[in-house]
Amino acid sequence: GTDWKDIKVCVVQRCKDPQNTDPSQKEELDEPKRSSVGPWSSGTFRPTSDYNNTVNVILLRTGGMNASASATLDRQLVAEHIRSSNDDWFQRQNPMVTPTREMDIRAAFTGACQRRTNDDANRQQVDTTTKPTPPTVTLPLAECYHILFNDEERSYLTLEFFTQDWEAFCRTENENTGSASDTHSSRLEGCVSPETESVPGCMTVDTAIAFLTEMQ
């Protein structure tokens, strides 16, 4: 089961109502609308008019082409191939975290941290001559949510789903480091859960970027 042929396309979404199973309501699409350009390809979020009506489809086909290939399908290899294909598509071919977006996120973190510093000092004006955010400075998870995603993206990814992704990211990080603690992974260092926040958890800027890269 290692003879693979992968096809990645972006097609027009035809299933408007998942509850509707009436065959007469099905639509045929003669030629898929293929695209390798994502809404973040320019470095800023610029979705086309079809953005809300398209879905990414990855077809993973195996077997039949290589006479020496085993007829037995190794489920572990299948899972690994699906995972690596998704990573290749979303992190390299069609990434959400472009250099421009990373720069914008770091600038937003710096501004937010500076405003918090000024608020703590009871200052009336925000110092615009901000310095780079230290890697150990954290922001509450709810605030990170608004920094990492714009209005369009938040309409799809709710805060509840975001926190679920964050919890999954933390579990994966700790599994990779063999730790049961929420703070033992190097990328989670300092990301404890302030009791005063309505949404528990916090992120450093480096952790936020790692999270977005991993979970996109």
N, C-alpha and C. Protein backbone atom coordinates (compact mmCIF):
# COMPACT_ATOMS: atom_id res chain seq x y z
N GLY A 1 0.80 -1.21 0.00
CA GLY A 1 0.00 0.00 0.00
C GLY A 1 0.83 1.26 0.00
N THR A 2 1.95 1.27 -0.72
CA THR A 2 2.80 2.47 -0.72
C THR A 2 2.92 3.10 -2.10
N ASP A 3 2.15 2.61 -3.05
CA ASP A 3 2.19 3.17 -4.41
C ASP A 3 1.07 4.21 -4.50
N TRP A 4 1.43 5.50 -4.31
CA TRP A 4 0.43 6.54 -4.14
C TRP A 4 0.35 7.48 -5.33
N LYS A 5 -0.85 7.95 -5.58
CA LYS A 5 -1.07 9.03 -6.53
C LYS A 5 -2.00 10.03 -5.86
N ASP A 6 -1.49 11.22 -5.62
CA ASP A 6 -2.27 12.24 -4.90
C ASP A 6 -2.76 13.30 -5.87
N ILE A 7 -4.00 13.70 -5.72
CA ILE A 7 -4.60 14.76 -6.52
C ILE A 7 -5.20 15.79 -5.57
N LYS A 8 -4.79 17.03 -5.70
CA LYS A 8 -5.29 18.09 -4.83
C LYS A 8 -5.99 19.13 -5.69
N VAL A 9 -7.27 19.39 -5.43
CA VAL A 9 -8.04 20.36 -6.20
C VAL A 9 -8.92 21.16 -5.26
N CYS A 10 -9.34 22.32 -5.74
CA CYS A 10 -10.32 23.15 -5.05
C CYS A 10 -11.57 23.17 -5.91
N VAL A 11 -12.68 22.66 -5.40
CA VAL A 11 -13.89 22.53 -6.20
C VAL A 11 -15.03 23.33 -5.60
N VAL A 12 -16.01 23.64 -6.45
CA VAL A 12 -17.19 24.36 -5.99
C VAL A 12 -18.01 23.46 -5.09
N GLN A 13 -18.41 23.99 -3.96
CA GLN A 13 -19.21 23.23 -3.00
C GLN A 13 -20.63 23.07 -3.53
N ARG A 14 -21.09 21.82 -3.62
CA ARG A 14 -22.42 21.57 -4.15
C ARG A 14 -23.41 21.11 -3.08
N CYS A 15 -22.93 20.73 -1.95
CA CYS A 15 -23.81 20.25 -0.89
C CYS A 15 -24.18 21.41 0.01
N LYS A 16 -25.31 22.04 -0.26
CA LYS A 16 -25.74 23.20 0.51
C LYS A 16 -26.42 22.79 1.81
N ASP A 17 -27.12 21.66 1.79
CA ASP A 17 -27.87 21.23 2.96
C ASP A 17 -27.52 19.78 3.27
N PRO A 18 -26.73 19.53 4.33
CA PRO A 18 -26.33 18.15 4.62
C PRO A 18 -27.50 17.24 4.97
N GLN A 19 -28.65 17.83 5.30
CA GLN A 19 -29.82 17.02 5.64
C GLN A 19 -30.61 16.59 4.41
N ASN A 20 -30.32 17.21 3.26
CA ASN A 20 -31.09 16.94 2.05
C ASN A 20 -30.47 15.76 1.30
N THR A 21 -31.17 14.63 1.27
CA THR A 21 -30.66 13.44 0.58
C THR A 21 -31.48 13.10 -0.65
N ASP A 22 -32.31 14.03 -1.09
CA ASP A 22 -33.15 13.81 -2.27
C ASP A 22 -32.28 13.77 -3.52
N PRO A 23 -32.20 12.62 -4.24
CA PRO A 23 -31.34 12.53 -5.43
C PRO A 23 -31.67 13.56 -6.49
N SER A 24 -32.93 13.99 -6.56
CA SER A 24 -33.31 14.96 -7.59
C SER A 24 -32.70 16.33 -7.35
N GLN A 25 -32.20 16.55 -6.13
CA GLN A 25 -31.61 17.85 -5.80
C GLN A 25 -30.10 17.86 -6.00
N LYS A 26 -29.53 16.74 -6.41
CA LYS A 26 -28.09 16.68 -6.61
C LYS A 26 -27.70 17.38 -7.90
N GLU A 27 -26.54 18.04 -7.87
CA GLU A 27 -26.05 18.74 -9.05
C GLU A 27 -24.77 18.10 -9.53
N GLU A 28 -24.62 18.01 -10.83
CA GLU A 28 -23.42 17.45 -11.42
C GLU A 28 -22.48 18.58 -11.80
N LEU A 29 -21.20 18.39 -11.54
CA LEU A 29 -20.19 19.38 -11.90
C LEU A 29 -19.29 18.75 -12.95
N ASP A 30 -19.42 19.23 -14.19
CA ASP A 30 -18.69 18.61 -15.30
C ASP A 30 -17.19 18.71 -15.11
N GLU A 31 -16.72 19.89 -14.78
CA GLU A 31 -15.28 20.11 -14.65
C GLU A 31 -15.00 20.81 -13.34
N PRO A 32 -14.28 20.17 -12.43
CA PRO A 32 -13.98 20.81 -11.15
C PRO A 32 -13.22 22.12 -11.35
N LYS A 33 -13.54 23.08 -10.52
CA LYS A 33 -12.82 24.35 -10.57
C LYS A 33 -11.54 24.19 -9.78
N ARG A 34 -10.46 23.98 -10.50
CA ARG A 34 -9.19 23.69 -9.85
C ARG A 34 -8.45 24.98 -9.52
N SER A 35 -7.79 24.95 -8.38
CA SER A 35 -7.03 26.12 -7.97
C SER A 35 -5.94 25.68 -7.01
N SER A 36 -4.76 26.24 -7.17
CA SER A 36 -3.67 25.99 -6.23
C SER A 36 -3.34 27.25 -5.45
N VAL A 37 -4.19 28.25 -5.58
CA VAL A 37 -3.94 29.54 -4.94
C VAL A 37 -4.92 29.72 -3.79
N GLY A 38 -4.40 29.88 -2.58
CA GLY A 38 -5.24 30.07 -1.42
C GLY A 38 -5.47 31.54 -1.14
N PRO A 39 -6.41 31.86 -0.23
CA PRO A 39 -6.73 33.25 0.07
C PRO A 39 -5.58 33.99 0.74
N TRP A 40 -4.58 33.25 1.25
CA TRP A 40 -3.44 33.89 1.90
C TRP A 40 -2.19 33.89 1.01
N SER A 41 -2.32 33.50 -0.26
CA SER A 41 -1.15 33.37 -1.12
C SER A 41 -0.43 34.68 -1.33
N SER A 42 -1.14 35.80 -1.23
CA SER A 42 -0.51 37.11 -1.42
C SER A 42 0.15 37.62 -0.15
N GLY A 43 -0.03 36.91 0.95
CA GLY A 43 0.52 37.36 2.22
C GLY A 43 -0.50 38.03 3.11
N THR A 44 -1.60 38.45 2.53
CA THR A 44 -2.72 39.00 3.29
C THR A 44 -3.98 38.25 2.88
N PHE A 45 -4.99 38.31 3.71
CA PHE A 45 -6.21 37.53 3.46
C PHE A 45 -7.04 38.21 2.38
N ARG A 46 -7.04 37.63 1.18
CA ARG A 46 -7.79 38.18 0.05
C ARG A 46 -8.58 37.07 -0.63
N PRO A 47 -9.69 36.67 -0.04
CA PRO A 47 -10.50 35.61 -0.64
C PRO A 47 -11.20 36.08 -1.89
N THR A 48 -11.39 35.18 -2.83
CA THR A 48 -12.12 35.49 -4.05
C THR A 48 -13.62 35.41 -3.77
N SER A 49 -14.42 35.74 -4.77
CA SER A 49 -15.87 35.69 -4.61
C SER A 49 -16.36 34.26 -4.39
N ASP A 50 -15.56 33.27 -4.78
CA ASP A 50 -15.95 31.87 -4.61
C ASP A 50 -15.47 31.27 -3.30
N TYR A 51 -14.82 32.09 -2.46
CA TYR A 51 -14.19 31.54 -1.25
C TYR A 51 -15.18 30.79 -0.36
N ASN A 52 -16.37 31.36 -0.19
CA ASN A 52 -17.37 30.74 0.69
C ASN A 52 -18.02 29.51 0.08
N ASN A 53 -17.81 29.29 -1.22
CA ASN A 53 -18.50 28.19 -1.90
C ASN A 53 -17.55 27.12 -2.42
N THR A 54 -16.34 27.10 -1.92
CA THR A 54 -15.37 26.11 -2.39
C THR A 54 -14.85 25.28 -1.23
N VAL A 55 -14.38 24.09 -1.56
CA VAL A 55 -13.78 23.21 -0.57
C VAL A 55 -12.52 22.60 -1.17
N ASN A 56 -11.53 22.33 -0.34
CA ASN A 56 -10.34 21.63 -0.77
C ASN A 56 -10.61 20.13 -0.75
N VAL A 57 -10.23 19.46 -1.83
CA VAL A 57 -10.40 18.01 -1.92
C VAL A 57 -9.05 17.38 -2.21
N ILE A 58 -8.65 16.42 -1.39
CA ILE A 58 -7.41 15.70 -1.61
C ILE A 58 -7.75 14.23 -1.84
N LEU A 59 -7.45 13.74 -3.04
CA LEU A 59 -7.71 12.33 -3.38
C LEU A 59 -6.41 11.55 -3.23
N LEU A 60 -6.42 10.54 -2.39
CA LEU A 60 -5.24 9.71 -2.16
C LEU A 60 -5.54 8.31 -2.68
N ARG A 61 -4.85 7.93 -3.75
CA ARG A 61 -5.10 6.63 -4.38
C ARG A 61 -3.86 5.76 -4.29
N THR A 62 -4.06 4.50 -4.04
CA THR A 62 -2.93 3.60 -3.87
C THR A 62 -3.20 2.26 -4.54
N GLY A 63 -2.10 1.58 -4.95
CA GLY A 63 -2.20 0.23 -5.48
C GLY A 63 -2.48 0.18 -6.97
N GLY A 64 -2.10 -0.95 -7.59
CA GLY A 64 -2.44 -1.20 -8.98
C GLY A 64 -1.37 -0.79 -9.98
N MET A 65 -0.55 0.19 -9.66
CA MET A 65 0.43 0.68 -10.63
C MET A 65 1.76 -0.03 -10.49
N ASN A 66 2.07 -0.47 -9.30
CA ASN A 66 3.36 -1.10 -9.05
C ASN A 66 3.14 -2.59 -8.83
N ALA A 67 3.68 -3.41 -9.74
CA ALA A 67 3.45 -4.86 -9.67
C ALA A 67 4.04 -5.47 -8.40
N SER A 68 5.07 -4.83 -7.86
CA SER A 68 5.72 -5.37 -6.67
C SER A 68 5.08 -4.89 -5.38
N ALA A 69 4.10 -4.00 -5.48
CA ALA A 69 3.46 -3.47 -4.28
C ALA A 69 2.60 -4.53 -3.62
N SER A 70 2.58 -4.50 -2.30
CA SER A 70 1.79 -5.46 -1.55
C SER A 70 0.30 -5.16 -1.70
N ALA A 71 -0.50 -6.22 -1.75
CA ALA A 71 -1.95 -6.04 -1.85
C ALA A 71 -2.57 -5.74 -0.49
N THR A 72 -1.77 -5.93 0.56
CA THR A 72 -2.26 -5.67 1.92
C THR A 72 -2.06 -4.20 2.26
N LEU A 73 -3.13 -3.57 2.71
CA LEU A 73 -3.08 -2.15 3.03
C LEU A 73 -2.65 -1.97 4.49
N ASP A 74 -1.57 -1.25 4.69
CA ASP A 74 -1.08 -0.95 6.04
C ASP A 74 -1.77 0.32 6.53
N ARG A 75 -2.67 0.18 7.48
CA ARG A 75 -3.46 1.33 7.94
C ARG A 75 -2.58 2.41 8.55
N GLN A 76 -1.51 2.02 9.21
CA GLN A 76 -0.62 3.01 9.80
C GLN A 76 0.05 3.85 8.72
N LEU A 77 0.49 3.17 7.62
CA LEU A 77 1.09 3.90 6.51
C LEU A 77 0.07 4.80 5.83
N VAL A 78 -1.16 4.34 5.74
CA VAL A 78 -2.22 5.16 5.16
C VAL A 78 -2.42 6.42 5.99
N ALA A 79 -2.51 6.26 7.31
CA ALA A 79 -2.70 7.41 8.20
C ALA A 79 -1.54 8.39 8.09
N GLU A 80 -0.32 7.86 8.04
CA GLU A 80 0.86 8.73 7.94
C GLU A 80 0.88 9.47 6.62
N HIS A 81 0.48 8.78 5.55
CA HIS A 81 0.48 9.43 4.23
C HIS A 81 -0.57 10.52 4.16
N ILE A 82 -1.75 10.27 4.71
CA ILE A 82 -2.80 11.29 4.73
C ILE A 82 -2.32 12.51 5.51
N ARG A 83 -1.70 12.27 6.66
CA ARG A 83 -1.22 13.36 7.49
C ARG A 83 -0.13 14.17 6.77
N SER A 84 0.82 13.48 6.15
CA SER A 84 1.90 14.18 5.46
C SER A 84 1.38 14.93 4.23
N SER A 85 0.38 14.36 3.54
CA SER A 85 -0.21 15.03 2.38
C SER A 85 -0.93 16.30 2.80
N ASN A 86 -1.66 16.23 3.91
CA ASN A 86 -2.32 17.43 4.43
C ASN A 86 -1.31 18.48 4.84
N ASP A 87 -0.24 18.06 5.51
CA ASP A 87 0.80 19.00 5.93
C ASP A 87 1.44 19.67 4.72
N ASP A 88 1.71 18.88 3.68
CA ASP A 88 2.33 19.43 2.47
C ASP A 88 1.42 20.46 1.82
N TRP A 89 0.11 20.18 1.78
CA TRP A 89 -0.83 21.08 1.11
C TRP A 89 -1.02 22.37 1.91
N PHE A 90 -1.29 22.22 3.21
CA PHE A 90 -1.67 23.38 4.01
C PHE A 90 -0.47 24.16 4.57
N GLN A 91 0.70 23.52 4.66
CA GLN A 91 1.84 24.22 5.24
C GLN A 91 2.86 24.66 4.20
N ARG A 92 2.89 23.99 3.04
CA ARG A 92 3.89 24.35 2.04
C ARG A 92 3.27 24.86 0.74
N GLN A 93 2.30 24.14 0.17
CA GLN A 93 1.72 24.57 -1.10
C GLN A 93 0.69 25.69 -0.93
N ASN A 94 -0.07 25.65 0.13
CA ASN A 94 -1.16 26.61 0.33
C ASN A 94 -1.16 27.10 1.78
N PRO A 95 -0.07 27.68 2.24
CA PRO A 95 0.05 27.97 3.67
C PRO A 95 -0.82 29.14 4.12
N MET A 96 -1.27 29.06 5.36
CA MET A 96 -1.96 30.17 5.98
C MET A 96 -0.96 31.14 6.60
N VAL A 97 0.13 30.59 7.13
CA VAL A 97 1.14 31.42 7.79
C VAL A 97 2.20 31.81 6.76
N THR A 98 1.98 32.93 6.10
CA THR A 98 2.96 33.48 5.17
C THR A 98 3.90 34.41 5.93
N PRO A 99 5.05 34.78 5.35
CA PRO A 99 5.94 35.74 6.03
C PRO A 99 5.23 37.03 6.39
N THR A 100 4.35 37.51 5.50
CA THR A 100 3.62 38.75 5.78
C THR A 100 2.69 38.57 6.97
N ARG A 101 1.99 37.45 7.01
CA ARG A 101 1.06 37.23 8.11
C ARG A 101 1.81 37.07 9.43
N GLU A 102 2.92 36.36 9.42
CA GLU A 102 3.71 36.21 10.64
C GLU A 102 4.18 37.57 11.15
N MET A 103 4.62 38.42 10.24
CA MET A 103 5.06 39.76 10.63
C MET A 103 3.90 40.56 11.23
N ASP A 104 2.71 40.43 10.63
CA ASP A 104 1.54 41.14 11.16
C ASP A 104 1.16 40.63 12.55
N ILE A 105 1.25 39.32 12.75
CA ILE A 105 0.91 38.74 14.05
C ILE A 105 1.89 39.23 15.11
N ARG A 106 3.18 39.23 14.79
CA ARG A 106 4.17 39.70 15.75
C ARG A 106 3.96 41.17 16.10
N ALA A 107 3.61 41.96 15.09
CA ALA A 107 3.35 43.38 15.34
C ALA A 107 2.11 43.55 16.22
N ALA A 108 1.08 42.75 15.97
CA ALA A 108 -0.14 42.84 16.77
C ALA A 108 0.11 42.41 18.22
N PHE A 109 0.92 41.37 18.41
CA PHE A 109 1.28 40.95 19.76
C PHE A 109 2.04 42.05 20.48
N THR A 110 2.99 42.66 19.78
CA THR A 110 3.78 43.73 20.38
C THR A 110 2.88 44.87 20.82
N GLY A 111 1.96 45.27 19.94
CA GLY A 111 1.05 46.36 20.27
C GLY A 111 0.15 46.02 21.45
N ALA A 112 -0.36 44.79 21.48
CA ALA A 112 -1.25 44.38 22.57
C ALA A 112 -0.50 44.33 23.90
N CYS A 113 0.72 43.81 23.87
CA CYS A 113 1.51 43.75 25.10
C CYS A 113 1.86 45.15 25.59
N GLN A 114 2.16 46.04 24.65
CA GLN A 114 2.50 47.41 25.02
C GLN A 114 1.29 48.12 25.64
N ARG A 115 0.12 47.90 25.06
CA ARG A 115 -1.08 48.52 25.62
C ARG A 115 -1.37 48.01 27.02
N ARG A 116 -1.14 46.71 27.24
CA ARG A 116 -1.34 46.16 28.58
C ARG A 116 -0.35 46.78 29.57
N THR A 117 0.88 46.97 29.13
CA THR A 117 1.88 47.59 29.99
C THR A 117 1.47 49.01 30.34
N ASN A 118 1.01 49.75 29.35
CA ASN A 118 0.59 51.13 29.58
C ASN A 118 -0.64 51.20 30.48
N ASP A 119 -1.57 50.26 30.29
CA ASP A 119 -2.76 50.22 31.13
C ASP A 119 -2.39 49.94 32.58
N ASP A 120 -1.45 49.01 32.75
CA ASP A 120 -1.02 48.68 34.11
C ASP A 120 -0.38 49.87 34.80
N ALA A 121 0.24 50.72 34.01
CA ALA A 121 0.92 51.89 34.57
C ALA A 121 -0.01 53.10 34.64
N ASN A 122 -1.31 52.88 34.28
CA ASN A 122 -2.31 53.96 34.32
C ASN A 122 -1.93 55.13 33.43
N ARG A 123 -1.34 54.82 32.28
CA ARG A 123 -1.01 55.87 31.33
C ARG A 123 -2.18 56.10 30.40
N GLN A 124 -2.31 57.29 29.88
CA GLN A 124 -3.42 57.65 29.01
C GLN A 124 -3.09 57.41 27.55
N GLN A 125 -1.82 57.46 27.20
CA GLN A 125 -1.43 57.30 25.80
C GLN A 125 -0.61 56.04 25.64
N VAL A 126 -0.81 55.39 24.49
CA VAL A 126 -0.04 54.19 24.18
C VAL A 126 1.26 54.60 23.52
N ASP A 127 2.35 54.06 24.00
CA ASP A 127 3.65 54.34 23.41
C ASP A 127 3.75 53.63 22.07
N THR A 128 3.83 54.38 20.98
CA THR A 128 3.86 53.78 19.64
C THR A 128 5.25 53.30 19.26
N THR A 129 6.26 53.66 20.03
CA THR A 129 7.63 53.21 19.73
C THR A 129 7.84 51.86 20.40
N THR A 130 7.08 50.89 19.98
CA THR A 130 7.10 49.58 20.63
C THR A 130 8.37 48.81 20.28
N LYS A 131 8.81 48.04 21.24
CA LYS A 131 9.96 47.17 21.03
C LYS A 131 9.45 45.76 20.73
N PRO A 132 10.30 44.94 20.12
CA PRO A 132 9.86 43.57 19.84
C PRO A 132 9.38 42.86 21.09
N THR A 133 8.31 42.10 20.96
CA THR A 133 7.75 41.40 22.11
C THR A 133 8.70 40.31 22.58
N PRO A 134 9.08 40.31 23.86
CA PRO A 134 9.93 39.23 24.37
C PRO A 134 9.24 37.89 24.19
N PRO A 135 9.99 36.83 23.89
CA PRO A 135 9.36 35.53 23.60
C PRO A 135 8.62 34.94 24.79
N THR A 136 8.87 35.44 26.02
CA THR A 136 8.21 34.88 27.19
C THR A 136 6.94 35.63 27.57
N VAL A 137 6.65 36.75 26.91
CA VAL A 137 5.45 37.51 27.23
C VAL A 137 4.23 36.79 26.67
N THR A 138 3.18 36.65 27.48
CA THR A 138 1.99 35.93 27.04
C THR A 138 0.78 36.86 27.02
N LEU A 139 -0.19 36.48 26.19
CA LEU A 139 -1.48 37.15 26.12
C LEU A 139 -2.57 36.12 26.37
N PRO A 140 -3.70 36.52 26.95
CA PRO A 140 -4.80 35.58 27.18
C PRO A 140 -5.28 34.96 25.87
N LEU A 141 -5.78 33.75 25.98
CA LEU A 141 -6.19 33.01 24.79
C LEU A 141 -7.26 33.74 23.98
N ALA A 142 -8.22 34.36 24.66
CA ALA A 142 -9.29 35.06 23.95
C ALA A 142 -8.73 36.23 23.15
N GLU A 143 -7.72 36.90 23.68
CA GLU A 143 -7.11 38.01 22.95
C GLU A 143 -6.29 37.49 21.77
N CYS A 144 -5.62 36.36 21.97
CA CYS A 144 -4.86 35.75 20.87
C CYS A 144 -5.77 35.37 19.72
N TYR A 145 -6.96 34.91 20.05
CA TYR A 145 -7.95 34.52 19.04
C TYR A 145 -8.24 35.67 18.09
N HIS A 146 -8.39 36.87 18.63
CA HIS A 146 -8.70 38.03 17.80
C HIS A 146 -7.47 38.53 17.05
N ILE A 147 -6.29 38.23 17.55
CA ILE A 147 -5.07 38.62 16.84
C ILE A 147 -4.79 37.66 15.69
N LEU A 148 -4.99 36.38 15.92
CA LEU A 148 -4.63 35.37 14.93
C LEU A 148 -5.59 35.30 13.75
N PHE A 149 -6.86 35.65 13.97
CA PHE A 149 -7.87 35.49 12.92
C PHE A 149 -8.63 36.78 12.69
N ASN A 150 -8.91 37.06 11.42
CA ASN A 150 -9.69 38.26 11.10
C ASN A 150 -11.19 37.95 11.16
N ASP A 151 -12.00 38.96 10.87
CA ASP A 151 -13.45 38.81 10.99
C ASP A 151 -13.98 37.68 10.12
N GLU A 152 -13.48 37.59 8.89
CA GLU A 152 -13.94 36.56 7.95
C GLU A 152 -13.65 35.16 8.49
N GLU A 153 -12.44 34.99 9.01
CA GLU A 153 -12.06 33.67 9.52
C GLU A 153 -12.81 33.33 10.81
N ARG A 154 -13.03 34.33 11.65
CA ARG A 154 -13.75 34.07 12.90
C ARG A 154 -15.21 33.71 12.66
N SER A 155 -15.75 34.07 11.49
CA SER A 155 -17.12 33.68 11.17
C SER A 155 -17.22 32.17 10.95
N TYR A 156 -16.08 31.52 10.66
CA TYR A 156 -16.05 30.07 10.47
C TYR A 156 -15.49 29.36 11.70
N LEU A 157 -14.47 29.96 12.28
CA LEU A 157 -13.81 29.35 13.44
C LEU A 157 -14.24 30.11 14.69
N THR A 158 -15.17 29.56 15.43
CA THR A 158 -15.65 30.22 16.64
C THR A 158 -14.61 30.10 17.74
N LEU A 159 -14.79 30.88 18.79
CA LEU A 159 -13.87 30.83 19.93
C LEU A 159 -13.89 29.44 20.56
N GLU A 160 -15.06 28.81 20.58
CA GLU A 160 -15.16 27.47 21.15
C GLU A 160 -14.32 26.47 20.35
N PHE A 161 -14.41 26.52 19.02
CA PHE A 161 -13.61 25.62 18.19
C PHE A 161 -12.12 25.95 18.33
N PHE A 162 -11.82 27.23 18.45
CA PHE A 162 -10.43 27.66 18.62
C PHE A 162 -9.84 27.06 19.90
N THR A 163 -10.57 27.11 21.00
CA THR A 163 -10.06 26.56 22.25
C THR A 163 -9.93 25.04 22.17
N GLN A 164 -10.82 24.40 21.42
CA GLN A 164 -10.70 22.95 21.22
C GLN A 164 -9.43 22.62 20.45
N ASP A 165 -9.13 23.42 19.42
CA ASP A 165 -7.89 23.23 18.66
C ASP A 165 -6.68 23.46 19.55
N TRP A 166 -6.78 24.46 20.43
CA TRP A 166 -5.67 24.77 21.34
C TRP A 166 -5.42 23.59 22.28
N GLU A 167 -6.48 23.02 22.81
CA GLU A 167 -6.34 21.87 23.70
C GLU A 167 -5.72 20.68 22.97
N ALA A 168 -6.13 20.47 21.71
CA ALA A 168 -5.56 19.38 20.91
C ALA A 168 -4.08 19.64 20.64
N PHE A 169 -3.73 20.90 20.36
CA PHE A 169 -2.34 21.27 20.12
C PHE A 169 -1.50 21.00 21.37
N CYS A 170 -2.03 21.36 22.55
CA CYS A 170 -1.30 21.13 23.80
C CYS A 170 -1.09 19.64 24.04
N ARG A 171 -2.12 18.85 23.78
CA ARG A 171 -1.98 17.40 23.97
C ARG A 171 -0.91 16.83 23.06
N THR A 172 -0.92 17.26 21.79
CA THR A 172 0.07 16.76 20.84
C THR A 172 1.47 17.16 21.25
N GLU A 173 1.63 18.42 21.66
CA GLU A 173 2.94 18.90 22.11
C GLU A 173 3.46 18.07 23.27
N ASN A 174 2.59 17.81 24.25
CA ASN A 174 3.02 17.07 25.42
C ASN A 174 3.27 15.60 25.12
N GLU A 175 2.50 15.03 24.19
CA GLU A 175 2.74 13.65 23.78
C GLU A 175 4.10 13.53 23.09
N ASN A 176 4.43 14.54 22.28
CA ASN A 176 5.71 14.52 21.57
C ASN A 176 6.89 14.66 22.51
N THR A 177 6.66 15.28 23.69
CA THR A 177 7.74 15.45 24.65
C THR A 177 7.64 14.45 25.80
N GLY A 178 6.62 13.58 25.74
CA GLY A 178 6.46 12.57 26.77
C GLY A 178 6.06 13.14 28.10
N SER A 179 5.36 14.28 28.09
CA SER A 179 5.00 14.94 29.34
C SER A 179 3.49 14.94 29.51
N ALA A 180 3.04 14.78 30.73
CA ALA A 180 1.61 14.86 31.03
C ALA A 180 1.22 16.25 31.49
N SER A 181 2.21 17.12 31.65
CA SER A 181 1.93 18.49 32.13
C SER A 181 1.60 19.39 30.96
N ASP A 182 0.80 20.42 31.21
CA ASP A 182 0.42 21.36 30.16
C ASP A 182 1.52 22.37 29.87
N THR A 183 2.61 22.35 30.63
CA THR A 183 3.62 23.39 30.44
C THR A 183 5.01 22.82 30.20
N HIS A 184 5.15 21.52 30.01
CA HIS A 184 6.48 20.94 29.89
C HIS A 184 7.05 21.00 28.49
N SER A 185 6.20 21.12 27.47
CA SER A 185 6.71 21.28 26.11
C SER A 185 7.39 22.64 25.99
N SER A 186 8.51 22.70 25.28
CA SER A 186 9.22 23.97 25.14
C SER A 186 8.37 25.03 24.46
N ARG A 187 7.48 24.60 23.55
CA ARG A 187 6.64 25.57 22.85
C ARG A 187 5.45 26.00 23.70
N LEU A 188 5.24 25.33 24.84
CA LEU A 188 4.16 25.71 25.74
C LEU A 188 4.68 26.35 27.01
N GLU A 189 5.97 26.63 27.06
CA GLU A 189 6.58 27.20 28.26
C GLU A 189 5.90 28.52 28.61
N GLY A 190 5.39 28.62 29.83
CA GLY A 190 4.75 29.85 30.28
C GLY A 190 3.30 29.96 29.90
N CYS A 191 2.78 29.02 29.12
CA CYS A 191 1.39 29.11 28.66
C CYS A 191 0.46 28.43 29.66
N VAL A 192 0.42 29.00 30.86
CA VAL A 192 -0.44 28.48 31.91
C VAL A 192 -1.82 29.11 31.78
N SER A 193 -2.74 28.71 32.61
CA SER A 193 -4.12 29.19 32.51
C SER A 193 -4.43 30.19 33.62
N PRO A 194 -4.44 31.48 33.34
CA PRO A 194 -4.77 32.46 34.37
C PRO A 194 -6.20 32.27 34.85
N GLU A 195 -6.38 32.21 36.17
CA GLU A 195 -7.72 31.97 36.71
C GLU A 195 -8.65 33.15 36.49
N THR A 196 -8.07 34.33 36.21
CA THR A 196 -8.90 35.52 36.06
C THR A 196 -9.49 35.66 34.67
N GLU A 197 -9.07 34.83 33.73
CA GLU A 197 -9.53 34.96 32.35
C GLU A 197 -10.77 34.09 32.12
N SER A 198 -11.72 34.61 31.32
CA SER A 198 -12.94 33.86 31.02
C SER A 198 -12.65 32.63 30.18
N VAL A 199 -11.66 32.74 29.28
CA VAL A 199 -11.21 31.60 28.48
C VAL A 199 -9.82 31.21 28.97
N PRO A 200 -9.69 30.06 29.64
CA PRO A 200 -8.40 29.71 30.23
C PRO A 200 -7.33 29.46 29.18
N GLY A 201 -6.11 29.83 29.52
CA GLY A 201 -4.99 29.61 28.62
C GLY A 201 -4.39 30.90 28.13
N CYS A 202 -3.17 30.84 27.66
CA CYS A 202 -2.50 32.01 27.10
C CYS A 202 -1.42 31.53 26.14
N MET A 203 -0.89 32.46 25.34
CA MET A 203 0.11 32.13 24.33
C MET A 203 1.21 33.17 24.31
N THR A 204 2.42 32.70 24.05
CA THR A 204 3.48 33.62 23.62
C THR A 204 3.33 33.80 22.12
N VAL A 205 4.01 34.78 21.56
CA VAL A 205 3.89 35.01 20.12
C VAL A 205 4.45 33.83 19.33
N ASP A 206 5.56 33.24 19.81
CA ASP A 206 6.14 32.10 19.10
C ASP A 206 5.21 30.89 19.17
N THR A 207 4.58 30.69 20.33
CA THR A 207 3.63 29.58 20.46
C THR A 207 2.42 29.80 19.57
N ALA A 208 1.95 31.05 19.48
CA ALA A 208 0.79 31.37 18.65
C ALA A 208 1.07 31.05 17.18
N ILE A 209 2.25 31.41 16.71
CA ILE A 209 2.61 31.14 15.31
C ILE A 209 2.78 29.64 15.09
N ALA A 210 3.40 28.96 16.06
CA ALA A 210 3.54 27.50 15.95
C ALA A 210 2.18 26.82 15.93
N PHE A 211 1.27 27.31 16.76
CA PHE A 211 -0.10 26.77 16.80
C PHE A 211 -0.80 26.95 15.46
N LEU A 212 -0.72 28.16 14.91
CA LEU A 212 -1.41 28.45 13.65
C LEU A 212 -0.82 27.62 12.51
N THR A 213 0.49 27.46 12.51
CA THR A 213 1.15 26.65 11.48
C THR A 213 0.74 25.19 11.57
N GLU A 214 0.67 24.69 12.79
CA GLU A 214 0.36 23.28 13.01
C GLU A 214 -1.11 22.96 12.79
N MET A 215 -2.00 23.86 13.21
CA MET A 215 -3.42 23.54 13.24
C MET A 215 -4.19 24.05 12.04
N GLN A 216 -3.53 24.74 11.11
CA GLN A 216 -4.26 25.30 9.98
C GLN A 216 -4.85 24.20 9.12
